[in-house]
C-alpha atoms as a PDB file:
ATOM      1  CA  UNK A   1      74.226  24.162 115.195  1.00  0.00           C
ATOM      2  CA  UNK A   2      75.805  24.872 118.576  1.00  0.00           C
ATOM      3  CA  UNK A   3      75.802  28.618 119.246  1.00  0.00           C
ATOM      4  CA  UNK A   4      78.457  30.208 121.439  1.00  0.00           C
ATOM      5  CA  UNK A   5      78.841  33.488 123.290  1.00  0.00           C
ATOM      6  CA  UNK A   6      82.483  34.597 123.231  1.00  0.00           C
ATOM      7  CA  UNK A   7      83.796  37.082 125.801  1.00  0.00           C
ATOM      8  CA  UNK A   8      86.931  39.082 125.086  1.00  0.00           C
ATOM      9  CA  UNK A   9      88.560  42.236 126.426  1.00  0.00           C
ATOM     10  CA  UNK A  10      90.721  44.764 124.579  1.00  0.00           C
ATOM     11  CA  UNK A  11      92.843  47.700 125.744  1.00  0.00           C
ATOM     12  CA  UNK A  12      90.386  50.255 124.297  1.00  0.00           C
ATOM     13  CA  UNK A  13      87.339  50.684 122.074  1.00  0.00           C
ATOM     14  CA  UNK A  14      89.407  51.362 118.936  1.00  0.00           C
ATOM     15  CA  UNK A  15      91.239  48.040 119.280  1.00  0.00           C
ATOM     16  CA  UNK A  16      87.948  46.269 119.998  1.00  0.00           C
ATOM     17  CA  UNK A  17      86.313  47.769 116.880  1.00  0.00           C
ATOM     18  CA  UNK A  18      89.314  46.787 114.735  1.00  0.00           C
ATOM     19  CA  UNK A  19      89.241  43.191 115.983  1.00  0.00           C
ATOM     20  CA  UNK A  20      85.449  42.967 115.722  1.00  0.00           C
ATOM     21  CA  UNK A  21      85.359  44.268 112.145  1.00  0.00           C
ATOM     22  CA  UNK A  22      87.988  41.763 110.968  1.00  0.00           C
ATOM     23  CA  UNK A  23      86.210  38.875 112.695  1.00  0.00           C
ATOM     24  CA  UNK A  24      82.819  39.799 111.228  1.00  0.00           C
ATOM     25  CA  UNK A  25      84.274  40.341 107.737  1.00  0.00           C
ATOM     26  CA  UNK A  26      85.788  36.849 107.909  1.00  0.00           C
ATOM     27  CA  UNK A  27      82.387  35.368 108.937  1.00  0.00           C
ATOM     28  CA  UNK A  28      83.900  34.007 112.151  1.00  0.00           C
ATOM     29  CA  UNK A  29      81.119  35.600 114.194  1.00  0.00           C
ATOM     30  CA  UNK A  30      77.650  36.905 113.402  1.00  0.00           C
ATOM     31  CA  UNK A  31      77.882  39.937 115.631  1.00  0.00           C
ATOM     32  CA  UNK A  32      80.157  41.732 118.054  1.00  0.00           C
ATOM     33  CA  UNK A  33      78.826  43.922 120.833  1.00  0.00           C
ATOM     34  CA  UNK A  34      81.338  46.356 122.281  1.00  0.00           C
ATOM     35  CA  UNK A  35      81.163  48.006 125.669  1.00  0.00           C
ATOM     36  CA  UNK A  36      83.729  50.744 125.204  1.00  0.00           C
ATOM     37  CA  UNK A  37      84.798  51.112 128.817  1.00  0.00           C
ATOM     38  CA  UNK A  38      85.037  48.912 131.855  1.00  0.00           C
ATOM     39  CA  UNK A  39      87.301  48.816 134.873  1.00  0.00           C
ATOM     40  CA  UNK A  40      89.434  45.701 135.240  1.00  0.00           C
ATOM     41  CA  UNK A  41      91.351  44.480 138.281  1.00  0.00           C
ATOM     42  CA  UNK A  42      93.559  41.450 137.717  1.00  0.00           C
ATOM     43  CA  UNK A  43      96.769  39.687 138.667  1.00  0.00           C
ATOM     44  CA  UNK A  44      99.488  39.860 136.003  1.00  0.00           C
ATOM     45  CA  UNK A  45     103.066  38.664 136.475  1.00  0.00           C
ATOM     46  CA  UNK A  46     102.727  38.581 140.254  1.00  0.00           C
ATOM     47  CA  UNK A  47     101.234  42.069 140.649  1.00  0.00           C
ATOM     48  CA  UNK A  48      97.699  43.360 141.083  1.00  0.00           C
ATOM     49  CA  UNK A  49      96.897  45.635 138.131  1.00  0.00           C
ATOM     50  CA  UNK A  50      94.003  47.945 137.358  1.00  0.00           C
ATOM     51  CA  UNK A  51      93.147  49.283 133.929  1.00  0.00           C
ATOM     52  CA  UNK A  52      90.387  50.512 131.664  1.00  0.00           C
ATOM     53  CA  UNK A  53      89.422  48.084 128.930  1.00  0.00           C
ATOM     54  CA  UNK A  54      86.744  47.534 126.316  1.00  0.00           C
ATOM     55  CA  UNK A  55      84.620  44.379 126.320  1.00  0.00           C
ATOM     56  CA  UNK A  56      83.621  42.474 123.189  1.00  0.00           C
ATOM     57  CA  UNK A  57      80.872  39.866 123.068  1.00  0.00           C
ATOM     58  CA  UNK A  58      80.797  37.765 119.905  1.00  0.00           C
ATOM     59  CA  UNK A  59      77.996  35.448 118.798  1.00  0.00           C
ATOM     60  CA  UNK A  60      79.272  32.483 116.812  1.00  0.00           C
ATOM     61  CA  UNK A  61      79.053  28.705 116.512  1.00  0.00           C
ATOM     62  CA  UNK A  62      81.092  25.840 117.922  1.00  0.00           C
ATOM     63  CA  UNK A  63      82.329  25.125 114.368  1.00  0.00           C
ATOM     64  CA  UNK A  64      83.751  28.654 114.020  1.00  0.00           C
ATOM     65  CA  UNK A  65      85.216  28.841 117.534  1.00  0.00           C
ATOM     66  CA  UNK A  66      88.753  27.567 116.743  1.00  0.00           C
ATOM     67  CA  UNK A  67      89.190  30.008 113.846  1.00  0.00           C
ATOM     68  CA  UNK A  68      87.643  32.879 115.840  1.00  0.00           C
ATOM     69  CA  UNK A  69      89.967  32.222 118.778  1.00  0.00           C
ATOM     70  CA  UNK A  70      93.026  32.113 116.481  1.00  0.00           C
ATOM     71  CA  UNK A  71      91.990  35.356 114.745  1.00  0.00           C
ATOM     72  CA  UNK A  72      91.400  37.238 118.004  1.00  0.00           C
ATOM     73  CA  UNK A  73      94.738  36.094 119.447  1.00  0.00           C
ATOM     74  CA  UNK A  74      96.540  37.032 116.222  1.00  0.00           C
ATOM     75  CA  UNK A  75      94.881  40.473 115.965  1.00  0.00           C
ATOM     76  CA  UNK A  76      95.066  41.281 119.681  1.00  0.00           C
ATOM     77  CA  UNK A  77      97.755  43.580 121.102  1.00  0.00           C
ATOM     78  CA  UNK A  78      97.878  41.746 124.466  1.00  0.00           C
ATOM     79  CA  UNK A  79     100.412  39.000 125.119  1.00  0.00           C
ATOM     80  CA  UNK A  80      97.708  36.900 126.792  1.00  0.00           C
ATOM     81  CA  UNK A  81      94.253  38.094 125.676  1.00  0.00           C
ATOM     82  CA  UNK A  82      91.077  37.051 127.433  1.00  0.00           C
ATOM     83  CA  UNK A  83      89.069  35.105 124.863  1.00  0.00           C
ATOM     84  CA  UNK A  84      86.656  32.520 126.257  1.00  0.00           C
ATOM     85  CA  UNK A  85      83.568  30.780 124.905  1.00  0.00           C
ATOM     86  CA  UNK A  86      80.368  29.803 126.674  1.00  0.00           C
ATOM     87  CA  UNK A  87      77.739  27.581 125.092  1.00  0.00           C
ATOM     88  CA  UNK A  88      74.360  29.182 124.581  1.00  0.00           C
ATOM     89  CA  UNK A  89      71.936  26.684 126.097  1.00  0.00           C
ATOM     90  CA  UNK A  90      68.734  28.158 124.702  1.00  0.00           C
ATOM     91  CA  UNK A  91      67.403  31.234 122.977  1.00  0.00           C
ATOM     92  CA  UNK A  92      64.979  32.640 120.451  1.00  0.00           C
ATOM     93  CA  UNK A  93      65.210  30.074 117.626  1.00  0.00           C
ATOM     94  CA  UNK A  94      65.203  32.630 114.734  1.00  0.00           C
ATOM     95  CA  UNK A  95      68.079  34.500 116.396  1.00  0.00           C
ATOM     96  CA  UNK A  96      70.104  31.318 116.892  1.00  0.00           C
ATOM     97  CA  UNK A  97      69.472  30.387 113.252  1.00  0.00           C
ATOM     98  CA  UNK A  98      70.618  33.879 112.212  1.00  0.00           C
ATOM     99  CA  UNK A  99      73.915  33.294 114.045  1.00  0.00           C
ATOM    100  CA  UNK A 100      74.495  30.038 112.153  1.00  0.00           C
ATOM    101  CA  UNK A 101      73.449  31.592 108.847  1.00  0.00           C
ATOM    102  CA  UNK A 102      75.706  34.628 109.359  1.00  0.00           C
ATOM    103  CA  UNK A 103      78.878  32.593 109.829  1.00  0.00           C
ATOM    104  CA  UNK A 104      78.284  30.323 106.846  1.00  0.00           C
ATOM    105  CA  UNK A 105      78.606  31.132 103.166  1.00  0.00           C
ATOM    106  CA  UNK A 106      75.228  31.961 101.598  1.00  0.00           C
ATOM    107  CA  UNK A 107      73.911  29.503  99.034  1.00  0.00           C
ATOM    108  CA  UNK A 108      73.956  30.921  95.482  1.00  0.00           C
ATOM    109  CA  UNK A 109      70.929  33.124  94.882  1.00  0.00           C
ATOM    110  CA  UNK A 110      69.811  32.926  98.511  1.00  0.00           C
ATOM    111  CA  UNK A 111      68.821  36.121 100.272  1.00  0.00           C
ATOM    112  CA  UNK A 112      69.704  36.507 103.904  1.00  0.00           C
ATOM    113  CA  UNK A 113      66.968  36.964 106.466  1.00  0.00           C
ATOM    114  CA  UNK A 114      66.244  39.926 108.690  1.00  0.00           C
ATOM    115  CA  UNK A 115      69.081  41.542 110.564  1.00  0.00           C
ATOM    116  CA  UNK A 116      69.369  40.752 114.279  1.00  0.00           C
ATOM    117  CA  UNK A 117      71.841  41.908 116.864  1.00  0.00           C
END
């Protein structure tokens, strides 16, 4: 299991919630944290732009990363969405196991563990 932390921005909290819900329903990530408002300053098509955006942080695994990236890009309203992954080097072992368990199909008759976020 190789856990990842995936950073993504969206134009607003509603778009972020819509993307996050679809990703979680598809078991592509265990969790999505949404910061509903941040200020962004960036270069786009030769100009300096400023805007308000929402930030999403997904917890997933290396195995789910390609499908998560495809889903976010497909669902995202931006032409070139920010969606990047960073390996989680270490963490609380039960939490990391919960991430892996949450993105895999449960075995028949198996109950899931406690809920973490």
